[in-house]
Amino acid sequence: MSLSSIFDIAGTGMNAQSLRLNTTASNIANAESASSSTDEVYRGRHPVFQSRLMQQMSESGMNLPQGEAVGVSVAGIVESDAPLQRRYEPHHPEADAEGYVFYPNVNVVEEMTNMISASRSFQVNVDVMNSAKQMVQRVLTLGQ
């Protein structure tokens, strides 16, 4: 694996963690949105990652050996199947005929943990890029 491919690999990690941060922020923003039916209530969303194979990266123009996993891609975003929160609030404007209001299946504590984890993972990828940049600069100074 060449030193220049490290930038591509760390870049895919940064893109994945950026998407993870965005979906987590969306979940937190909608954590207390109320609805009168289960069909309309917001459901927590989570990205699903998969490893990118060198074959896929070679098809995109990179000259890499085949068979190893390098980088990460987002396979999709799935909605959580955790049960929704049903609260008895008869005076709420969104209450149904029985006085219940439905809230999303988002646990704010879990989402904050996901946000911290994604932020740290993003920072690790930035550190990898900075280290690779320093190595490339040192290699370039060897010829002087």
C-alpha atoms as a PDB file:
ATOM      1  CA  MET A   1       0.000   0.000   0.000  1.00  0.00           C
ATOM      2  CA  SER A   2       1.437   3.355  -0.994  1.00  0.00           C
ATOM      3  CA  LEU A   3       1.709   6.334   1.275  1.00  0.00           C
ATOM      4  CA  SER A   4      -0.590   8.363  -0.970  1.00  0.00           C
ATOM      5  CA  SER A   5      -3.465   5.877  -0.561  1.00  0.00           C
ATOM      6  CA  ILE A   6      -3.547   6.697   3.153  1.00  0.00           C
ATOM      7  CA  PHE A   7      -5.189  10.013   2.267  1.00  0.00           C
ATOM      8  CA  ASP A   8      -7.967   8.212   0.384  1.00  0.00           C
ATOM      9  CA  ILE A   9      -8.551   5.760   3.214  1.00  0.00           C
ATOM     10  CA  ALA A  10      -8.635   8.439   5.919  1.00  0.00           C
ATOM     11  CA  GLY A  11     -10.883  10.542   3.681  1.00  0.00           C
ATOM     12  CA  THR A  12     -13.472   7.764   3.462  1.00  0.00           C
ATOM     13  CA  GLY A  13     -13.377   7.488   7.253  1.00  0.00           C
ATOM     14  CA  MET A  14     -13.909  11.233   7.626  1.00  0.00           C
ATOM     15  CA  ASN A  15     -16.865  11.149   5.212  1.00  0.00           C
ATOM     16  CA  ALA A  16     -18.448   8.254   7.102  1.00  0.00           C
ATOM     17  CA  GLN A  17     -18.039   9.901  10.503  1.00  0.00           C
ATOM     18  CA  SER A  18     -19.364  13.184   9.139  1.00  0.00           C
ATOM     19  CA  LEU A  19     -22.534  11.402   8.016  1.00  0.00           C
ATOM     20  CA  ARG A  20     -22.749   9.699  11.406  1.00  0.00           C
ATOM     21  CA  LEU A  21     -22.517  13.101  13.122  1.00  0.00           C
ATOM     22  CA  ASN A  22     -25.269  14.483  10.881  1.00  0.00           C
ATOM     23  CA  THR A  23     -27.678  11.617  11.538  1.00  0.00           C
ATOM     24  CA  THR A  24     -26.975  11.834  15.277  1.00  0.00           C
ATOM     25  CA  ALA A  25     -27.645  15.577  15.233  1.00  0.00           C
ATOM     26  CA  SER A  26     -30.918  14.935  13.396  1.00  0.00           C
ATOM     27  CA  ASN A  27     -31.927  12.356  15.997  1.00  0.00           C
ATOM     28  CA  ILE A  28     -31.193  14.756  18.866  1.00  0.00           C
ATOM     29  CA  ALA A  29     -33.040  17.595  17.146  1.00  0.00           C
ATOM     30  CA  ASN A  30     -36.152  15.450  16.758  1.00  0.00           C
ATOM     31  CA  ALA A  31     -35.971  13.684  20.140  1.00  0.00           C
ATOM     32  CA  GLU A  32     -38.932  15.578  21.586  1.00  0.00           C
ATOM     33  CA  SER A  33     -41.096  15.999  18.488  1.00  0.00           C
ATOM     34  CA  ALA A  34     -44.617  14.816  19.263  1.00  0.00           C
ATOM     35  CA  SER A  35     -47.166  13.169  17.005  1.00  0.00           C
ATOM     36  CA  SER A  36     -50.708  11.889  17.331  1.00  0.00           C
ATOM     37  CA  SER A  37     -50.089   8.618  15.468  1.00  0.00           C
ATOM     38  CA  THR A  38     -47.351   6.027  15.180  1.00  0.00           C
ATOM     39  CA  ASP A  39     -47.186   6.503  11.401  1.00  0.00           C
ATOM     40  CA  GLU A  40     -46.189  10.165  11.627  1.00  0.00           C
ATOM     41  CA  VAL A  41     -43.712  10.073  14.526  1.00  0.00           C
ATOM     42  CA  TYR A  42     -39.997  10.507  13.854  1.00  0.00           C
ATOM     43  CA  ARG A  43     -37.928   7.350  14.212  1.00  0.00           C
ATOM     44  CA  GLY A  44     -34.250   7.351  15.092  1.00  0.00           C
ATOM     45  CA  ARG A  45     -31.888   6.839  12.175  1.00  0.00           C
ATOM     46  CA  HIS A  46     -28.463   5.209  12.142  1.00  0.00           C
ATOM     47  CA  PRO A  47     -25.910   4.806   9.325  1.00  0.00           C
ATOM     48  CA  VAL A  48     -24.674   1.357   8.348  1.00  0.00           C
ATOM     49  CA  PHE A  49     -21.020   1.167   7.312  1.00  0.00           C
ATOM     50  CA  GLN A  50     -19.228  -1.405   5.186  1.00  0.00           C
ATOM     51  CA  SER A  51     -15.591  -1.800   4.254  1.00  0.00           C
ATOM     52  CA  ARG A  52     -14.488  -0.775   0.786  1.00  0.00           C
ATOM     53  CA  LEU A  53     -12.492  -3.403  -1.005  1.00  0.00           C
ATOM     54  CA  MET A  54      -9.407  -2.555  -2.999  1.00  0.00           C
ATOM     55  CA  GLN A  55     -11.140  -3.932  -6.084  1.00  0.00           C
ATOM     56  CA  GLN A  56     -13.852  -1.260  -5.774  1.00  0.00           C
ATOM     57  CA  MET A  57     -11.242   1.449  -5.286  1.00  0.00           C
ATOM     58  CA  SER A  58      -9.208   0.171  -8.264  1.00  0.00           C
ATOM     59  CA  GLU A  59     -12.317   0.397 -10.448  1.00  0.00           C
ATOM     60  CA  SER A  60     -12.531   4.057  -9.508  1.00  0.00           C
ATOM     61  CA  GLY A  61      -9.072   4.707 -10.993  1.00  0.00           C
ATOM     62  CA  MET A  62      -6.645   3.829  -8.195  1.00  0.00           C
ATOM     63  CA  ASN A  63      -3.837   1.303  -8.819  1.00  0.00           C
ATOM     64  CA  LEU A  64      -4.025  -0.938  -5.774  1.00  0.00           C
ATOM     65  CA  PRO A  65      -3.530  -4.691  -5.216  1.00  0.00           C
ATOM     66  CA  GLN A  66      -6.710  -6.758  -4.998  1.00  0.00           C
ATOM     67  CA  GLY A  67      -8.315  -8.510  -2.027  1.00  0.00           C
ATOM     68  CA  GLU A  68      -7.809  -6.273   1.016  1.00  0.00           C
ATOM     69  CA  ALA A  69     -10.286  -3.939   2.662  1.00  0.00           C
ATOM     70  CA  VAL A  70      -9.341  -0.265   2.589  1.00  0.00           C
ATOM     71  CA  GLY A  71     -11.584   2.529   3.718  1.00  0.00           C
ATOM     72  CA  VAL A  72     -15.230   2.583   4.582  1.00  0.00           C
ATOM     73  CA  SER A  73     -18.432   3.454   2.766  1.00  0.00           C
ATOM     74  CA  VAL A  74     -21.990   4.007   3.899  1.00  0.00           C
ATOM     75  CA  ALA A  75     -24.227   1.107   2.891  1.00  0.00           C
ATOM     76  CA  GLY A  76     -27.350   2.998   3.932  1.00  0.00           C
ATOM     77  CA  ILE A  77     -29.266   4.600   6.741  1.00  0.00           C
ATOM     78  CA  VAL A  78     -31.719   2.476   8.703  1.00  0.00           C
ATOM     79  CA  GLU A  79     -34.536   3.507  11.008  1.00  0.00           C
ATOM     80  CA  SER A  80     -34.483   2.201  14.545  1.00  0.00           C
ATOM     81  CA  ASP A  81     -37.026  -0.512  15.363  1.00  0.00           C
ATOM     82  CA  ALA A  82     -37.029   0.312  19.079  1.00  0.00           C
ATOM     83  CA  PRO A  83     -40.517   0.898  20.515  1.00  0.00           C
ATOM     84  CA  LEU A  84     -41.900   4.419  20.387  1.00  0.00           C
ATOM     85  CA  GLN A  85     -42.624   6.356  23.562  1.00  0.00           C
ATOM     86  CA  ARG A  86     -46.347   6.648  24.298  1.00  0.00           C
ATOM     87  CA  ARG A  87     -47.218   9.246  26.929  1.00  0.00           C
ATOM     88  CA  TYR A  88     -50.569  10.173  28.410  1.00  0.00           C
ATOM     89  CA  GLU A  89     -50.921  13.931  27.858  1.00  0.00           C
ATOM     90  CA  PRO A  90     -54.610  14.675  27.247  1.00  0.00           C
ATOM     91  CA  HIS A  91     -54.098  18.460  27.056  1.00  0.00           C
ATOM     92  CA  HIS A  92     -51.359  18.269  24.416  1.00  0.00           C
ATOM     93  CA  PRO A  93     -52.456  19.628  20.997  1.00  0.00           C
ATOM     94  CA  GLU A  94     -51.148  16.461  19.294  1.00  0.00           C
ATOM     95  CA  ALA A  95     -52.985  14.047  21.627  1.00  0.00           C
ATOM     96  CA  ASP A  96     -55.085  11.338  20.001  1.00  0.00           C
ATOM     97  CA  ALA A  97     -58.686  10.512  20.971  1.00  0.00           C
ATOM     98  CA  GLU A  98     -57.498   8.557  24.040  1.00  0.00           C
ATOM     99  CA  GLY A  99     -55.208  11.404  25.195  1.00  0.00           C
ATOM    100  CA  TYR A 100     -51.914   9.768  24.208  1.00  0.00           C
ATOM    101  CA  VAL A 101     -49.039  11.440  22.403  1.00  0.00           C
ATOM    102  CA  PHE A 102     -46.295   9.500  20.604  1.00  0.00           C
ATOM    103  CA  TYR A 103     -42.644  10.523  20.886  1.00  0.00           C
ATOM    104  CA  PRO A 104     -39.618   9.229  18.923  1.00  0.00           C
ATOM    105  CA  ASN A 105     -37.611   6.199  19.952  1.00  0.00           C
ATOM    106  CA  VAL A 106     -34.511   8.362  20.439  1.00  0.00           C
ATOM    107  CA  ASN A 107     -32.459   8.069  23.622  1.00  0.00           C
ATOM    108  CA  VAL A 108     -30.612  11.385  23.960  1.00  0.00           C
ATOM    109  CA  VAL A 109     -27.905   9.867  26.203  1.00  0.00           C
ATOM    110  CA  GLU A 110     -27.101   7.215  23.584  1.00  0.00           C
ATOM    111  CA  GLU A 111     -27.102   9.836  20.856  1.00  0.00           C
ATOM    112  CA  MET A 112     -24.678  12.043  22.777  1.00  0.00           C
ATOM    113  CA  THR A 113     -22.416   9.009  23.220  1.00  0.00           C
ATOM    114  CA  ASN A 114     -22.617   8.336  19.476  1.00  0.00           C
ATOM    115  CA  MET A 115     -21.790  11.969  18.797  1.00  0.00           C
ATOM    116  CA  ILE A 116     -18.694  11.874  21.020  1.00  0.00           C
ATOM    117  CA  SER A 117     -17.563   8.606  19.434  1.00  0.00           C
ATOM    118  CA  ALA A 118     -18.058   9.916  15.880  1.00  0.00           C
ATOM    119  CA  SER A 119     -16.264  13.149  16.729  1.00  0.00           C
ATOM    120  CA  ARG A 120     -13.279  11.267  18.142  1.00  0.00           C
ATOM    121  CA  SER A 121     -13.199   8.902  15.157  1.00  0.00           C
ATOM    122  CA  PHE A 122     -13.228  11.888  12.813  1.00  0.00           C
ATOM    123  CA  GLN A 123     -10.335  13.443  14.747  1.00  0.00           C
ATOM    124  CA  VAL A 124      -8.330  10.210  14.542  1.00  0.00           C
ATOM    125  CA  ASN A 125      -8.699  10.263  10.751  1.00  0.00           C
ATOM    126  CA  VAL A 126      -7.535  13.890  10.711  1.00  0.00           C
ATOM    127  CA  ASP A 127      -4.507  12.894  12.790  1.00  0.00           C
ATOM    128  CA  VAL A 128      -3.735  10.055  10.355  1.00  0.00           C
ATOM    129  CA  MET A 129      -3.842  12.516   7.452  1.00  0.00           C
ATOM    130  CA  ASN A 130      -1.575  14.957   9.269  1.00  0.00           C
ATOM    131  CA  SER A 131       0.925  12.189  10.067  1.00  0.00           C
ATOM    132  CA  ALA A 132       0.916  11.019   6.445  1.00  0.00           C
ATOM    133  CA  LYS A 133       1.406  14.604   5.263  1.00  0.00           C
ATOM    134  CA  GLN A 134       4.420  14.988   7.547  1.00  0.00           C
ATOM    135  CA  MET A 135       5.883  11.729   6.238  1.00  0.00           C
ATOM    136  CA  VAL A 136       5.464  12.840   2.635  1.00  0.00           C
ATOM    137  CA  GLN A 137       7.109  16.171   3.417  1.00  0.00           C
ATOM    138  CA  ARG A 138      10.057  14.389   5.073  1.00  0.00           C
ATOM    139  CA  VAL A 139      10.449  12.094   2.083  1.00  0.00           C
ATOM    140  CA  LEU A 140      10.548  15.110  -0.217  1.00  0.00           C
ATOM    141  CA  THR A 141      13.320  16.720   1.869  1.00  0.00           C
ATOM    142  CA  LEU A 142      15.505  13.587   1.613  1.00  0.00           C
ATOM    143  CA  GLY A 143      16.553  14.520  -1.912  1.00  0.00           C
ATOM    144  CA  GLN A 144      17.894  17.915  -0.910  1.00  0.00           C
END
